[in-house]
Structure formats: structure tokens, C-alpha cells
Amino acid sequence: MQDSTGICWRKMDSWGDDVAKPRQNTLLTNELSSLDLAKIGLTLNVIGDLFGYFSIIKAEEELQSLEEERRSREASGT
């Protein structure tokens, strides 16, 4: 919940002191410009692409190791 000053408030649960306290470190998207949001999106895209690239490399290495293992079994006759 947000008041007219832009501060986010949260309700306390039954264990709280029944007083709403402002959240600390709350990032509001309306405070970011569209350029900032685009930069964040592009950064996340790059991170995702890097994870994808490394997973492809790992899969290729595993495939190569399985092929080498299969060839060594065929060569030994077992």
C-alpha cells in the first residue's frame, strides 16, 4: 500500500505491534525512467544469454565425453 507521499506501507501480522511501518529499500517502477527499465531488461537478457551459452558448452562437453567412452568400449570389445 502506498500513500500520497510515495512511501510504501505494509500491514503487520498478528505477531507485529499493529503499527504499519514503511518498507526499507523498496524500489518502485514508477520512479524509474523507461530508459532505466530498458537497461535493466537488456542486462537480464545478457545474463540469460550467458547462462544459455555456458549450458550449451557444458552439454557439448558431456556429449563428447560420452562419445569417447562409447568408442573406448567398442575398441576394447565389451
C-alpha atoms as a PDB file:
ATOM      1  CA  MET A   1       0.000   0.000   0.000  1.00  0.00           C
ATOM      2  CA  GLN A   2       1.355   3.429  -0.925  1.00  0.00           C
ATOM      3  CA  ASP A   3       0.344   6.800   0.483  1.00  0.00           C
ATOM      4  CA  SER A   4       0.341  10.207  -1.213  1.00  0.00           C
ATOM      5  CA  THR A   5       3.997  10.806  -0.303  1.00  0.00           C
ATOM      6  CA  GLY A   6       5.119   7.711  -2.215  1.00  0.00           C
ATOM      7  CA  ILE A   7       6.061   5.698   0.878  1.00  0.00           C
ATOM      8  CA  CYS A   8       5.099   2.033   0.797  1.00  0.00           C
ATOM      9  CA  TRP A   9       3.446   0.756   3.938  1.00  0.00           C
ATOM     10  CA  ARG A  10       2.851  -2.817   4.944  1.00  0.00           C
ATOM     11  CA  LYS A  11       0.375  -4.307   7.353  1.00  0.00           C
ATOM     12  CA  MET A  12       1.814  -6.080  10.355  1.00  0.00           C
ATOM     13  CA  ASP A  13       0.788  -9.655  11.013  1.00  0.00           C
ATOM     14  CA  SER A  14      -0.706 -10.912  14.259  1.00  0.00           C
ATOM     15  CA  TRP A  15       2.771 -11.099  15.779  1.00  0.00           C
ATOM     16  CA  GLY A  16       3.517  -7.457  14.976  1.00  0.00           C
ATOM     17  CA  ASP A  17       2.804  -4.436  17.070  1.00  0.00           C
ATOM     18  CA  ASP A  18      -0.224  -3.482  14.915  1.00  0.00           C
ATOM     19  CA  VAL A  19       1.542  -0.397  13.581  1.00  0.00           C
ATOM     20  CA  ALA A  20       2.220  -0.031   9.877  1.00  0.00           C
ATOM     21  CA  LYS A  21       5.889   0.598   9.193  1.00  0.00           C
ATOM     22  CA  PRO A  22       7.436   1.828   5.940  1.00  0.00           C
ATOM     23  CA  ARG A  23       9.345  -0.762   3.942  1.00  0.00           C
ATOM     24  CA  GLN A  24      13.030  -0.184   3.599  1.00  0.00           C
ATOM     25  CA  ASN A  25      14.787  -0.454   0.209  1.00  0.00           C
ATOM     26  CA  THR A  26      11.542  -0.639  -1.763  1.00  0.00           C
ATOM     27  CA  LEU A  27      12.152   0.006  -5.457  1.00  0.00           C
ATOM     28  CA  LEU A  28       9.162   1.449  -7.258  1.00  0.00           C
ATOM     29  CA  THR A  29       8.991   1.045 -11.010  1.00  0.00           C
ATOM     30  CA  ASN A  30       7.288   4.409 -11.379  1.00  0.00           C
ATOM     31  CA  GLU A  31      10.489   6.033 -10.083  1.00  0.00           C
ATOM     32  CA  LEU A  32      12.493   4.526 -12.944  1.00  0.00           C
ATOM     33  CA  SER A  33      12.522   6.000 -16.413  1.00  0.00           C
ATOM     34  CA  SER A  34      11.772   3.855 -19.423  1.00  0.00           C
ATOM     35  CA  LEU A  35      15.458   4.052 -20.339  1.00  0.00           C
ATOM     36  CA  ASP A  36      16.428   2.652 -16.928  1.00  0.00           C
ATOM     37  CA  LEU A  37      13.907  -0.164 -17.299  1.00  0.00           C
ATOM     38  CA  ALA A  38      15.231  -0.924 -20.789  1.00  0.00           C
ATOM     39  CA  LYS A  39      18.790  -1.094 -19.440  1.00  0.00           C
ATOM     40  CA  ILE A  40      17.695  -3.472 -16.693  1.00  0.00           C
ATOM     41  CA  GLY A  41      15.893  -5.643 -19.234  1.00  0.00           C
ATOM     42  CA  LEU A  42      18.885  -5.758 -21.558  1.00  0.00           C
ATOM     43  CA  THR A  43      21.198  -6.611 -18.674  1.00  0.00           C
ATOM     44  CA  LEU A  44      18.960  -9.515 -17.670  1.00  0.00           C
ATOM     45  CA  ASN A  45      18.860 -10.648 -21.307  1.00  0.00           C
ATOM     46  CA  VAL A  46      22.656 -10.693 -21.482  1.00  0.00           C
ATOM     47  CA  ILE A  47      22.862 -12.663 -18.242  1.00  0.00           C
ATOM     48  CA  GLY A  48      20.336 -15.165 -19.605  1.00  0.00           C
ATOM     49  CA  ASP A  49      22.274 -15.465 -22.857  1.00  0.00           C
ATOM     50  CA  LEU A  50      25.481 -16.151 -20.928  1.00  0.00           C
ATOM     51  CA  PHE A  51      23.815 -18.902 -18.908  1.00  0.00           C
ATOM     52  CA  GLY A  52      22.460 -20.393 -22.127  1.00  0.00           C
ATOM     53  CA  TYR A  53      25.881 -20.232 -23.789  1.00  0.00           C
ATOM     54  CA  PHE A  54      27.600 -21.941 -20.858  1.00  0.00           C
ATOM     55  CA  SER A  55      24.936 -24.639 -20.674  1.00  0.00           C
ATOM     56  CA  ILE A  56      25.422 -25.370 -24.396  1.00  0.00           C
ATOM     57  CA  ILE A  57      29.191 -25.651 -23.887  1.00  0.00           C
ATOM     58  CA  LYS A  58      28.647 -27.981 -20.905  1.00  0.00           C
ATOM     59  CA  ALA A  59      26.228 -30.153 -22.906  1.00  0.00           C
ATOM     60  CA  GLU A  60      28.688 -30.387 -25.812  1.00  0.00           C
ATOM     61  CA  GLU A  61      31.475 -31.422 -23.427  1.00  0.00           C
ATOM     62  CA  GLU A  62      29.253 -34.095 -21.867  1.00  0.00           C
ATOM     63  CA  LEU A  63      28.261 -35.380 -25.306  1.00  0.00           C
ATOM     64  CA  GLN A  64      31.895 -35.547 -26.404  1.00  0.00           C
ATOM     65  CA  SER A  65      32.865 -37.413 -23.235  1.00  0.00           C
ATOM     66  CA  LEU A  66      30.016 -39.920 -23.751  1.00  0.00           C
ATOM     67  CA  GLU A  67      31.109 -40.496 -27.362  1.00  0.00           C
ATOM     68  CA  GLU A  68      34.711 -41.074 -26.272  1.00  0.00           C
ATOM     69  CA  GLU A  69      33.521 -43.502 -23.603  1.00  0.00           C
ATOM     70  CA  ARG A  70      31.416 -45.385 -26.174  1.00  0.00           C
ATOM     71  CA  ARG A  71      34.358 -45.569 -28.597  1.00  0.00           C
ATOM     72  CA  SER A  72      36.677 -46.901 -25.903  1.00  0.00           C
ATOM     73  CA  ARG A  73      34.110 -49.598 -25.022  1.00  0.00           C
ATOM     74  CA  GLU A  74      33.799 -50.593 -28.684  1.00  0.00           C
ATOM     75  CA  ALA A  75      37.575 -50.698 -29.078  1.00  0.00           C
ATOM     76  CA  SER A  76      38.001 -52.897 -26.009  1.00  0.00           C
ATOM     77  CA  GLY A  77      35.239 -55.239 -27.193  1.00  0.00           C
ATOM     78  CA  THR A  78      32.967 -55.042 -24.154  1.00  0.00           C
END
